[in-house]
C-alpha atoms as a PDB file:
ATOM      1  CA  ALA A   1      20.361   4.663 -10.068  1.00  0.00           C
ATOM      2  CA  LEU A   2      16.601   4.908 -10.330  1.00  0.00           C
ATOM      3  CA  ARG A   3      14.751   1.770 -11.290  1.00  0.00           C
ATOM      4  CA  ALA A   4      12.136   2.176 -14.022  1.00  0.00           C
ATOM      5  CA  ASP A   5      10.391  -1.157 -13.499  1.00  0.00           C
ATOM      6  CA  VAL A   6       9.498  -1.652  -9.848  1.00  0.00           C
ATOM      7  CA  LEU A   7       6.449  -3.683 -10.844  1.00  0.00           C
ATOM      8  CA  ASP A   8       6.472  -6.832 -12.954  1.00  0.00           C
ATOM      9  CA  LEU A   9       2.862  -7.194 -14.063  1.00  0.00           C
ATOM     10  CA  ASP A  10       1.574 -10.455 -15.559  1.00  0.00           C
ATOM     11  CA  VAL A  11      -1.671  -9.903 -17.503  1.00  0.00           C
ATOM     12  CA  SER A  12      -1.789 -13.280 -19.271  1.00  0.00           C
ATOM     13  CA  LEU A  13      -4.923 -14.205 -17.278  1.00  0.00           C
ATOM     14  CA  VAL A  14      -6.665 -10.902 -18.021  1.00  0.00           C
ATOM     15  CA  ASP A  15      -9.326 -10.653 -20.706  1.00  0.00           C
ATOM     16  CA  PRO A  16      -7.468  -9.126 -23.720  1.00  0.00           C
ATOM     17  CA  ARG A  17     -10.065  -6.346 -23.983  1.00  0.00           C
ATOM     18  CA  TYR A  18      -8.822  -4.887 -20.698  1.00  0.00           C
ATOM     19  CA  GLN A  19      -5.090  -5.567 -20.712  1.00  0.00           C
ATOM     20  CA  ALA A  20      -4.205  -2.037 -21.829  1.00  0.00           C
ATOM     21  CA  ALA A  21      -5.962  -0.589 -18.784  1.00  0.00           C
ATOM     22  CA  PHE A  22      -3.817  -2.777 -16.538  1.00  0.00           C
ATOM     23  CA  ARG A  23      -0.639  -1.588 -18.219  1.00  0.00           C
ATOM     24  CA  ASN A  24      -1.749   2.017 -17.843  1.00  0.00           C
ATOM     25  CA  ALA A  25      -2.290   1.486 -14.113  1.00  0.00           C
ATOM     26  CA  GLU A  26       1.176  -0.040 -13.804  1.00  0.00           C
ATOM     27  CA  ASN A  27       2.696   2.971 -15.585  1.00  0.00           C
ATOM     28  CA  PHE A  28       0.781   5.319 -13.302  1.00  0.00           C
ATOM     29  CA  TRP A  29       2.320   3.957 -10.092  1.00  0.00           C
ATOM     30  CA  GLU A  30       5.759   3.656 -11.672  1.00  0.00           C
ATOM     31  CA  SER A  31       5.637   7.337 -12.662  1.00  0.00           C
ATOM     32  CA  ARG A  32       6.718   8.151  -9.090  1.00  0.00           C
ATOM     33  CA  ILE A  33       7.603   4.853  -7.413  1.00  0.00           C
ATOM     34  CA  VAL A  34      11.069   4.253  -8.803  1.00  0.00           C
ATOM     35  CA  GLY A  35      12.712   1.715  -6.513  1.00  0.00           C
ATOM     36  CA  TYR A  36      13.144   0.686  -2.900  1.00  0.00           C
ATOM     37  CA  SER A  37      14.019   3.070  -0.092  1.00  0.00           C
ATOM     38  CA  ASP A  38      17.658   3.933   0.551  1.00  0.00           C
ATOM     39  CA  ALA A  39      16.857   3.602   4.261  1.00  0.00           C
ATOM     40  CA  LEU A  40      16.464  -0.163   3.933  1.00  0.00           C
ATOM     41  CA  PRO A  41      19.207  -2.332   5.420  1.00  0.00           C
ATOM     42  CA  ALA A  42      21.603  -3.297   2.642  1.00  0.00           C
ATOM     43  CA  ILE A  43      21.264  -6.963   3.594  1.00  0.00           C
ATOM     44  CA  LEU A  44      17.536  -6.766   2.826  1.00  0.00           C
ATOM     45  CA  LYS A  45      17.628  -4.411  -0.146  1.00  0.00           C
ATOM     46  CA  SER A  46      20.070  -6.698  -1.962  1.00  0.00           C
ATOM     47  CA  GLN A  47      17.396  -9.404  -2.034  1.00  0.00           C
ATOM     48  CA  LEU A  48      14.735  -7.192  -3.637  1.00  0.00           C
ATOM     49  CA  SER A  49      14.305  -6.755  -7.376  1.00  0.00           C
ATOM     50  CA  THR A  50      10.756  -6.262  -8.682  1.00  0.00           C
ATOM     51  CA  LEU A  51       7.314  -6.993  -7.305  1.00  0.00           C
ATOM     52  CA  ARG A  52       5.661  -9.690  -9.429  1.00  0.00           C
ATOM     53  CA  ILE A  53       1.898  -9.065  -9.651  1.00  0.00           C
ATOM     54  CA  THR A  54      -0.360 -11.631 -11.309  1.00  0.00           C
ATOM     55  CA  ALA A  55      -3.654 -10.155 -12.501  1.00  0.00           C
ATOM     56  CA  SER A  56      -6.752 -12.095 -13.563  1.00  0.00           C
ATOM     57  CA  THR A  57     -10.396 -11.458 -14.449  1.00  0.00           C
ATOM     58  CA  PRO A  58     -12.500 -14.312 -13.050  1.00  0.00           C
ATOM     59  CA  GLY A  59     -16.121 -14.158 -11.987  1.00  0.00           C
ATOM     60  CA  ILE A  60     -16.341 -13.129  -8.315  1.00  0.00           C
ATOM     61  CA  ASP A  61     -19.906 -12.305  -7.297  1.00  0.00           C
ATOM     62  CA  GLY A  62     -21.697 -11.189 -10.446  1.00  0.00           C
ATOM     63  CA  ALA A  63     -22.409  -7.605 -11.482  1.00  0.00           C
ATOM     64  CA  GLY A  64     -22.174  -5.162  -8.579  1.00  0.00           C
ATOM     65  CA  GLY A  65     -20.806  -5.997  -5.148  1.00  0.00           C
ATOM     66  CA  ILE A  66     -17.057  -6.650  -5.133  1.00  0.00           C
ATOM     67  CA  LEU A  67     -15.362  -5.042  -8.120  1.00  0.00           C
ATOM     68  CA  GLY A  68     -11.855  -6.264  -7.403  1.00  0.00           C
ATOM     69  CA  GLN A  69      -9.614  -7.639  -4.681  1.00  0.00           C
ATOM     70  CA  ALA A  70      -5.891  -7.963  -4.169  1.00  0.00           C
ATOM     71  CA  ALA A  71      -3.263  -9.136  -1.711  1.00  0.00           C
ATOM     72  CA  PRO A  72       0.448  -9.918  -1.470  1.00  0.00           C
ATOM     73  CA  THR A  73       1.122 -13.648  -1.799  1.00  0.00           C
ATOM     74  CA  THR A  74       4.780 -13.700  -0.716  1.00  0.00           C
ATOM     75  CA  THR A  75       6.585 -11.231   1.529  1.00  0.00           C
ATOM     76  CA  ILE A  76      10.073 -10.772   2.885  1.00  0.00           C
ATOM     77  CA  SER A  77      10.382  -9.616   6.485  1.00  0.00           C
ATOM     78  CA  TYR A  78      13.126  -8.147   8.632  1.00  0.00           C
ATOM     79  CA  GLY A  79      13.498  -6.210  11.867  1.00  0.00           C
ATOM     80  CA  GLY A  80      11.293  -5.933  14.896  1.00  0.00           C
ATOM     81  CA  PHE A  81      14.242  -6.354  17.235  1.00  0.00           C
ATOM     82  CA  ASN A  82      16.843  -4.315  19.099  1.00  0.00           C
ATOM     83  CA  GLN A  83      20.114  -4.175  17.217  1.00  0.00           C
ATOM     84  CA  GLY A  84      22.949  -5.059  19.540  1.00  0.00           C
ATOM     85  CA  GLY A  85      20.818  -6.511  22.313  1.00  0.00           C
ATOM     86  CA  PHE A  86      18.117  -5.347  24.690  1.00  0.00           C
ATOM     87  CA  PHE A  87      19.443  -1.794  25.056  1.00  0.00           C
ATOM     88  CA  GLY A  88      20.406  -1.361  21.400  1.00  0.00           C
ATOM     89  CA  ASN A  89      18.676   0.699  18.743  1.00  0.00           C
ATOM     90  CA  ARG A  90      15.389  -0.831  17.731  1.00  0.00           C
ATOM     91  CA  ILE A  91      15.070  -1.864  14.096  1.00  0.00           C
ATOM     92  CA  PRO A  92      11.429  -1.426  13.046  1.00  0.00           C
ATOM     93  CA  GLN A  93       9.480  -4.297  11.572  1.00  0.00           C
ATOM     94  CA  ILE A  94       9.802  -4.332   7.781  1.00  0.00           C
ATOM     95  CA  THR A  95       7.519  -6.391   5.535  1.00  0.00           C
ATOM     96  CA  ILE A  96       7.757  -6.038   1.751  1.00  0.00           C
ATOM     97  CA  ALA A  97       5.720  -7.898  -0.865  1.00  0.00           C
ATOM     98  CA  THR A  98       7.701  -9.864  -3.432  1.00  0.00           C
ATOM     99  CA  THR A  99       4.721 -11.421  -5.241  1.00  0.00           C
ATOM    100  CA  ALA A 100       1.041 -10.468  -5.250  1.00  0.00           C
ATOM    101  CA  THR A 101      -2.255 -11.228  -6.926  1.00  0.00           C
ATOM    102  CA  MET A 102      -5.120  -9.077  -8.218  1.00  0.00           C
ATOM    103  CA  GLN A 103      -8.558 -10.318  -9.242  1.00  0.00           C
ATOM    104  CA  PHE A 104     -11.277  -8.320 -10.989  1.00  0.00           C
ATOM    105  CA  ASP A 105     -14.840  -9.458 -11.522  1.00  0.00           C
ATOM    106  CA  ILE A 106     -15.293  -9.965 -15.257  1.00  0.00           C
ATOM    107  CA  ASP A 107     -19.003  -9.177 -14.844  1.00  0.00           C
ATOM    108  CA  ASP A 108     -18.168  -5.609 -13.762  1.00  0.00           C
ATOM    109  CA  LEU A 109     -15.410  -4.661 -16.187  1.00  0.00           C
ATOM    110  CA  ALA A 110     -17.500  -3.584 -19.170  1.00  0.00           C
ATOM    111  CA  ALA A 111     -19.583  -1.224 -17.028  1.00  0.00           C
ATOM    112  CA  LEU A 112     -16.468   0.143 -15.311  1.00  0.00           C
ATOM    113  CA  GLN A 113     -14.857   0.808 -18.658  1.00  0.00           C
ATOM    114  CA  ALA A 114     -17.985   2.554 -19.954  1.00  0.00           C
ATOM    115  CA  SER A 115     -18.125   4.785 -16.869  1.00  0.00           C
ATOM    116  CA  GLY A 116     -14.435   5.683 -17.163  1.00  0.00           C
ATOM    117  CA  ASN A 117     -13.578   4.151 -13.783  1.00  0.00           C
ATOM    118  CA  LEU A 118     -11.870   0.937 -14.854  1.00  0.00           C
ATOM    119  CA  GLU A 119      -8.323   2.253 -14.540  1.00  0.00           C
ATOM    120  CA  SER A 120      -9.109   3.802 -11.158  1.00  0.00           C
ATOM    121  CA  VAL A 121     -10.317   0.473  -9.804  1.00  0.00           C
ATOM    122  CA  ILE A 122      -7.222  -1.276 -11.185  1.00  0.00           C
ATOM    123  CA  ARG A 123      -4.958   1.380  -9.647  1.00  0.00           C
ATOM    124  CA  HIS A 124      -6.772   0.893  -6.345  1.00  0.00           C
ATOM    125  CA  GLU A 125      -6.205  -2.867  -6.280  1.00  0.00           C
ATOM    126  CA  MET A 126      -2.637  -2.546  -7.506  1.00  0.00           C
ATOM    127  CA  ALA A 127      -1.930  -0.285  -4.541  1.00  0.00           C
ATOM    128  CA  HIS A 128      -3.227  -3.028  -2.222  1.00  0.00           C
ATOM    129  CA  ALA A 129      -1.031  -5.570  -3.997  1.00  0.00           C
ATOM    130  CA  MET A 130       1.949  -3.327  -3.265  1.00  0.00           C
ATOM    131  CA  GLY A 131       1.079  -3.130   0.411  1.00  0.00           C
ATOM    132  CA  PHE A 132      -1.409  -0.284   0.859  1.00  0.00           C
ATOM    133  CA  GLY A 133      -3.591  -1.477   3.746  1.00  0.00           C
ATOM    134  CA  SER A 134      -2.520  -5.095   3.308  1.00  0.00           C
ATOM    135  CA  LEU A 135       0.954  -4.589   4.831  1.00  0.00           C
ATOM    136  CA  TRP A 136       0.363  -1.651   7.177  1.00  0.00           C
ATOM    137  CA  GLY A 137       0.301  -3.961  10.168  1.00  0.00           C
ATOM    138  CA  GLY A 138       3.443  -5.767   9.053  1.00  0.00           C
ATOM    139  CA  ASN A 139       5.293  -2.442   8.965  1.00  0.00           C
ATOM    140  CA  GLU A 140       3.992  -1.072  12.287  1.00  0.00           C
ATOM    141  CA  LEU A 141       2.086   1.694  10.484  1.00  0.00           C
ATOM    142  CA  LEU A 142      -1.301   0.940  12.016  1.00  0.00           C
ATOM    143  CA  SER A 143      -2.112   1.228  15.690  1.00  0.00           C
ATOM    144  CA  THR A 144      -5.318   0.082  17.370  1.00  0.00           C
ATOM    145  CA  GLN A 145      -6.482   2.204  20.282  1.00  0.00           C
ATOM    146  CA  PHE A 146      -8.225   1.027  23.447  1.00  0.00           C
ATOM    147  CA  ASN A 147     -11.584   1.860  21.849  1.00  0.00           C
ATOM    148  CA  GLY A 148     -10.810  -0.413  18.894  1.00  0.00           C
ATOM    149  CA  LEU A 149     -10.216   2.424  16.399  1.00  0.00           C
ATOM    150  CA  ASN A 150      -7.450   1.987  13.811  1.00  0.00           C
ATOM    151  CA  GLU A 151      -5.015   4.868  13.256  1.00  0.00           C
ATOM    152  CA  TYR A 152      -2.365   5.236  10.557  1.00  0.00           C
ATOM    153  CA  ASN A 153       0.846   6.671  11.973  1.00  0.00           C
ATOM    154  CA  GLY A 154       3.493   6.269   9.247  1.00  0.00           C
ATOM    155  CA  LYS A 155       5.705   9.367   9.293  1.00  0.00           C
ATOM    156  CA  TYR A 156       5.667  10.116   5.568  1.00  0.00           C
ATOM    157  CA  GLY A 157       1.936   9.571   5.154  1.00  0.00           C
ATOM    158  CA  LEU A 158       1.119  11.584   8.261  1.00  0.00           C
ATOM    159  CA  ALA A 159       3.351  14.469   7.199  1.00  0.00           C
ATOM    160  CA  ALA A 160       1.633  14.598   3.799  1.00  0.00           C
ATOM    161  CA  TYR A 161      -1.845  14.459   5.327  1.00  0.00           C
ATOM    162  CA  ARG A 162      -1.082  17.254   7.790  1.00  0.00           C
ATOM    163  CA  LYS A 163       0.019  19.473   4.929  1.00  0.00           C
ATOM    164  CA  GLU A 164      -2.543  18.835   2.190  1.00  0.00           C
ATOM    165  CA  ALA A 165      -5.567  18.370   4.473  1.00  0.00           C
ATOM    166  CA  ASN A 166      -4.565  21.479   6.447  1.00  0.00           C
ATOM    167  CA  GLN A 167      -4.539  19.430   9.639  1.00  0.00           C
ATOM    168  CA  ARG A 168      -1.213  20.605  11.049  1.00  0.00           C
ATOM    169  CA  LEU A 169      -1.684  18.973  14.442  1.00  0.00           C
ATOM    170  CA  ALA A 170      -3.324  15.727  13.308  1.00  0.00           C
ATOM    171  CA  PRO A 171      -1.913  12.868  15.439  1.00  0.00           C
ATOM    172  CA  PHE A 172      -2.723  10.239  12.784  1.00  0.00           C
ATOM    173  CA  VAL A 173      -4.240   9.742   9.321  1.00  0.00           C
ATOM    174  CA  PRO A 174      -7.923   8.723   9.583  1.00  0.00           C
ATOM    175  CA  VAL A 175      -8.525   5.109   8.566  1.00  0.00           C
ATOM    176  CA  GLU A 176     -11.776   3.407   7.592  1.00  0.00           C
ATOM    177  CA  GLN A 177     -13.388   1.746  10.615  1.00  0.00           C
ATOM    178  CA  GLY A 178     -16.418   0.138   8.955  1.00  0.00           C
ATOM    179  CA  GLY A 179     -17.237  -2.022   5.970  1.00  0.00           C
ATOM    180  CA  GLY A 180     -16.198  -5.364   7.407  1.00  0.00           C
ATOM    181  CA  PRO A 181     -13.101  -7.470   6.645  1.00  0.00           C
ATOM    182  CA  GLY A 182     -11.227  -6.300   3.558  1.00  0.00           C
ATOM    183  CA  THR A 183     -12.401  -2.717   4.006  1.00  0.00           C
ATOM    184  CA  ALA A 184     -11.950  -1.687   7.639  1.00  0.00           C
ATOM    185  CA  GLY A 185      -8.373  -0.876   8.614  1.00  0.00           C
ATOM    186  CA  SER A 186      -7.053  -0.939   5.044  1.00  0.00           C
ATOM    187  CA  HIS A 187      -8.465   2.224   3.421  1.00  0.00           C
ATOM    188  CA  TRP A 188      -8.607   5.918   4.190  1.00  0.00           C
ATOM    189  CA  ASP A 189     -11.642   7.031   6.151  1.00  0.00           C
ATOM    190  CA  ASP A 190     -14.761   7.626   4.059  1.00  0.00           C
ATOM    191  CA  ASN A 191     -15.985  10.032   6.769  1.00  0.00           C
ATOM    192  CA  ASP A 192     -12.955  12.307   6.497  1.00  0.00           C
ATOM    193  CA  SER A 193     -13.786  15.529   4.642  1.00  0.00           C
ATOM    194  CA  PHE A 194     -10.432  15.601   2.836  1.00  0.00           C
ATOM    195  CA  PHE A 195     -10.594  12.053   1.497  1.00  0.00           C
ATOM    196  CA  ASN A 196     -14.334  12.199   0.789  1.00  0.00           C
ATOM    197  CA  GLN A 197     -15.085  15.472  -1.010  1.00  0.00           C
ATOM    198  CA  ARG A 198     -18.397  14.435  -2.547  1.00  0.00           C
ATOM    199  CA  ALA A 199     -20.166  17.288  -0.719  1.00  0.00           C
ATOM    200  CA  THR A 200     -17.621  19.942  -1.799  1.00  0.00           C
ATOM    201  CA  THR A 201     -15.553  19.287  -4.925  1.00  0.00           C
ATOM    202  CA  GLY A 202     -17.457  16.130  -5.903  1.00  0.00           C
ATOM    203  CA  ARG A 203     -14.272  14.030  -5.753  1.00  0.00           C
ATOM    204  CA  ILE A 204     -13.150  11.084  -3.652  1.00  0.00           C
ATOM    205  CA  GLU A 205      -9.680   9.764  -2.864  1.00  0.00           C
ATOM    206  CA  LEU A 206      -8.638   6.679  -4.800  1.00  0.00           C
ATOM    207  CA  MET A 207      -8.053   4.607  -1.681  1.00  0.00           C
ATOM    208  CA  LEU A 208     -11.485   4.818  -0.098  1.00  0.00           C
ATOM    209  CA  GLY A 209     -13.175   1.460   0.355  1.00  0.00           C
ATOM    210  CA  ALA A 210     -16.253   2.063  -1.823  1.00  0.00           C
ATOM    211  CA  ILE A 211     -16.961   3.763  -5.124  1.00  0.00           C
ATOM    212  CA  ASP A 212     -20.014   4.818  -7.084  1.00  0.00           C
ATOM    213  CA  PRO A 213     -18.753   4.202 -10.646  1.00  0.00           C
ATOM    214  CA  ASP A 214     -21.555   6.242 -12.179  1.00  0.00           C
ATOM    215  CA  ASN A 215     -20.934   9.410 -10.192  1.00  0.00           C
ATOM    216  CA  ASP A 216     -17.527   9.528  -8.518  1.00  0.00           C
ATOM    217  CA  THR A 217     -14.509  11.459  -9.753  1.00  0.00           C
ATOM    218  CA  VAL A 218     -11.330  10.048  -8.231  1.00  0.00           C
ATOM    219  CA  PHE A 219      -8.117  11.822  -7.179  1.00  0.00           C
ATOM    220  CA  VAL A 220      -4.856  10.473  -5.737  1.00  0.00           C
ATOM    221  CA  SER A 221      -3.624  12.396  -2.709  1.00  0.00           C
ATOM    222  CA  GLU A 222      -0.038  13.061  -1.695  1.00  0.00           C
ATOM    223  CA  THR A 223      -0.895  11.093   1.440  1.00  0.00           C
ATOM    224  CA  THR A 224      -1.382   7.976  -0.669  1.00  0.00           C
ATOM    225  CA  TRP A 225       1.891   8.526  -2.509  1.00  0.00           C
ATOM    226  CA  ALA A 226       3.722   9.231   0.746  1.00  0.00           C
ATOM    227  CA  GLN A 227       2.498   6.096   2.518  1.00  0.00           C
ATOM    228  CA  PHE A 228       4.378   4.077  -0.118  1.00  0.00           C
ATOM    229  CA  ALA A 229       7.550   5.612   1.320  1.00  0.00           C
ATOM    230  CA  ASP A 230       6.410   4.266   4.692  1.00  0.00           C
ATOM    231  CA  LEU A 231       6.166   0.878   2.933  1.00  0.00           C
ATOM    232  CA  TRP A 232       9.860   1.172   1.963  1.00  0.00           C
ATOM    233  CA  PHE A 233       9.490   2.235  -1.659  1.00  0.00           C
ATOM    234  CA  LYS A 234      11.437   5.133  -3.136  1.00  0.00           C
ATOM    235  CA  VAL A 235       8.884   7.747  -4.202  1.00  0.00           C
ATOM    236  CA  LEU A 236       9.742  10.809  -6.283  1.00  0.00           C
ATOM    237  CA  GLY A 237       9.093  13.968  -4.287  1.00  0.00           C
ATOM    238  CA  VAL A 238       8.897  12.093  -0.998  1.00  0.00           C
ATOM    239  CA  ASN A 239      12.081  10.171  -0.165  1.00  0.00           C
ATOM    240  CA  SER A 240      13.960   9.863  -3.455  1.00  0.00           C
ATOM    241  CA  GLY A 241      16.950  12.083  -2.720  1.00  0.00           C
ATOM    242  CA  LYS A 242      19.900  12.064  -0.347  1.00  0.00           C
ATOM    243  CA  PHE A 243      17.832  14.340   1.832  1.00  0.00           C
ATOM    244  CA  ASN A 244      14.136  13.808   2.364  1.00  0.00           C
ATOM    245  CA  ASP A 245      12.205  15.601  -0.371  1.00  0.00           C
ATOM    246  CA  PHE A 246       9.105  16.051   1.763  1.00  0.00           C
ATOM    247  CA  ALA A 247       9.666  18.984   4.114  1.00  0.00           C
ATOM    248  CA  GLY A 248       8.295  18.580   7.606  1.00  0.00           C
ATOM    249  CA  ASN A 249       8.626  14.802   7.577  1.00  0.00           C
ATOM    250  CA  GLY A 250       7.936  13.828  11.186  1.00  0.00           C
ATOM    251  CA  ASN A 251      11.022  13.568  13.371  1.00  0.00           C
ATOM    252  CA  ASN A 252      13.383  13.864  10.441  1.00  0.00           C
ATOM    253  CA  GLY A 253      11.998  17.237   9.424  1.00  0.00           C
ATOM    254  CA  GLY A 254      13.327  16.902   5.874  1.00  0.00           C
ATOM    255  CA  THR A 255      16.701  18.256   6.949  1.00  0.00           C
ATOM    256  CA  ARG A 256      18.871  15.229   7.704  1.00  0.00           C
ATOM    257  CA  PRO A 257      20.065  12.479   5.357  1.00  0.00           C
ATOM    258  CA  ILE A 258      18.556   9.040   5.769  1.00  0.00           C
ATOM    259  CA  THR A 259      21.119   6.615   7.148  1.00  0.00           C
ATOM    260  CA  PRO A 260      20.544   2.965   6.234  1.00  0.00           C
ATOM    261  CA  TRP A 261      20.880   0.426   9.017  1.00  0.00           C
ATOM    262  CA  THR A 262      23.885  -1.868   8.851  1.00  0.00           C
ATOM    263  CA  PRO A 263      23.083  -5.198  10.495  1.00  0.00           C
ATOM    264  CA  ARG A 264      25.956  -6.646  12.519  1.00  0.00           C
ATOM    265  CA  GLY A 265      26.569 -10.324  11.994  1.00  0.00           C
ATOM    266  CA  PRO A 266      25.825 -12.768   9.168  1.00  0.00           C
ATOM    267  CA  LEU A 267      22.485 -13.226   7.461  1.00  0.00           C
ATOM    268  CA  GLY A 268      20.189 -15.049   9.830  1.00  0.00           C
ATOM    269  CA  GLY A 269      22.485 -14.160  12.723  1.00  0.00           C
ATOM    270  CA  GLY A 270      19.800 -14.281  15.380  1.00  0.00           C
ATOM    271  CA  VAL A 271      19.632 -11.427  17.874  1.00  0.00           C
ATOM    272  CA  ILE A 272      22.880  -9.808  16.732  1.00  0.00           C
ATOM    273  CA  GLY A 273      22.287  -9.583  13.006  1.00  0.00           C
ATOM    274  CA  GLY A 274      18.586 -10.212  12.886  1.00  0.00           C
ATOM    275  CA  PRO A 275      17.090 -12.838  10.595  1.00  0.00           C
ATOM    276  CA  ILE A 276      15.373 -12.219   7.289  1.00  0.00           C
ATOM    277  CA  PHE A 277      12.220 -14.245   6.780  1.00  0.00           C
ATOM    278  CA  LEU A 278      10.622 -15.185   3.469  1.00  0.00           C
ATOM    279  CA  ARG A 279       6.947 -15.879   4.090  1.00  0.00           C
ATOM    280  CA  SER A 280       4.272 -17.219   1.776  1.00  0.00           C
ATOM    281  CA  ILE A 281       0.716 -16.002   2.258  1.00  0.00           C
ATOM    282  CA  PRO A 282      -2.159 -18.395   1.430  1.00  0.00           C
ATOM    283  CA  GLU A 283      -3.813 -17.959  -1.926  1.00  0.00           C
ATOM    284  CA  THR A 284      -6.789 -15.598  -1.909  1.00  0.00           C
ATOM    285  CA  SER A 285      -9.305 -18.413  -2.318  1.00  0.00           C
ATOM    286  CA  THR A 286      -8.274 -19.842   1.057  1.00  0.00           C
ATOM    287  CA  LEU A 287      -7.861 -16.626   3.020  1.00  0.00           C
ATOM    288  CA  ALA A 288     -11.323 -16.607   4.558  1.00  0.00           C
ATOM    289  CA  LEU A 289     -11.114 -20.268   5.557  1.00  0.00           C
ATOM    290  CA  LEU A 290      -7.830 -19.650   7.325  1.00  0.00           C
ATOM    291  CA  GLY A 291      -9.028 -16.547   9.149  1.00  0.00           C
ATOM    292  CA  LEU A 292      -6.651 -14.299   7.204  1.00  0.00           C
ATOM    293  CA  GLY A 293      -9.271 -12.264   5.387  1.00  0.00           C
ATOM    294  CA  SER A 294      -7.731  -9.018   6.599  1.00  0.00           C
ATOM    295  CA  LEU A 295      -4.883  -9.575   4.122  1.00  0.00           C
ATOM    296  CA  LEU A 296      -7.290  -9.553   1.198  1.00  0.00           C
ATOM    297  CA  VAL A 297      -8.468  -6.028   0.491  1.00  0.00           C
ATOM    298  CA  ALA A 298     -11.139  -5.053  -1.976  1.00  0.00           C
ATOM    299  CA  VAL A 299     -12.994  -2.115  -3.425  1.00  0.00           C
ATOM    300  CA  ARG A 300     -16.782  -2.416  -3.419  1.00  0.00           C
ATOM    301  CA  ARG A 301     -19.490  -0.693  -5.342  1.00  0.00           C
ATOM    302  CA  ARG A 302     -21.065   1.994  -3.184  1.00  0.00           C
ATOM    303  CA  ARG A 303     -24.726   1.197  -2.603  1.00  0.00           C
END
């Protein structure tokens, strides 16, 4: 059965004037994200219910600068080992957020609302709370080349990008390389002509790292929706059926059913069954001090 409430959003710490915008953003993502992937191991999927996101509107850095920031605070992890020993089938690393936090600078919200970009910024940070950018590394979706460049290689996201950007032979989805911690490696590339269409259609993709609230019109690409399937969500039109919905999906090609893994051995059964780890991530206020700033991803005002 499809789940209608993947997200459990707590807005009790949000200024009441803006709570409706947060609910609208939640409804937007839940319009197509309807549960967790059927390809997840049953032993892991049985421990997942909803993602609890706590939103708040403190002061961050005054008007301008950082508009909002978000990160998972607790994740559950599985995989990253060979099932059945060294020569067995490899189970990919899986990391799924179970709780997350979002913060929005109260000094920016009135201007964002007046410009019509408030919900876009909330959608952007909610995507990070769900794992966009923040959990790419924990799901083996991001590779770093010898020259230091980050490349997104999730099969669903890449298949979508190849199709809608008309880049049939693209080996990866372009990822932002600049902007410093919290921007680089966790957004789509601002220099890519599909994601940044300011010079053509005047639009930009929601998951770029910077926005000009006074001028930008935002769109959400199929690539963004599809990468949530790479993050083990069930997404309508991508991986929601018995057969993959998205034709041309990497090695699977959209023609074969997805077969969930069945771990052998009891929960926490070491090499044979593979352990499941519940991991807490430090609160956002301590991330920089602990050298974990890459987990905290933000959208900044374009200067």
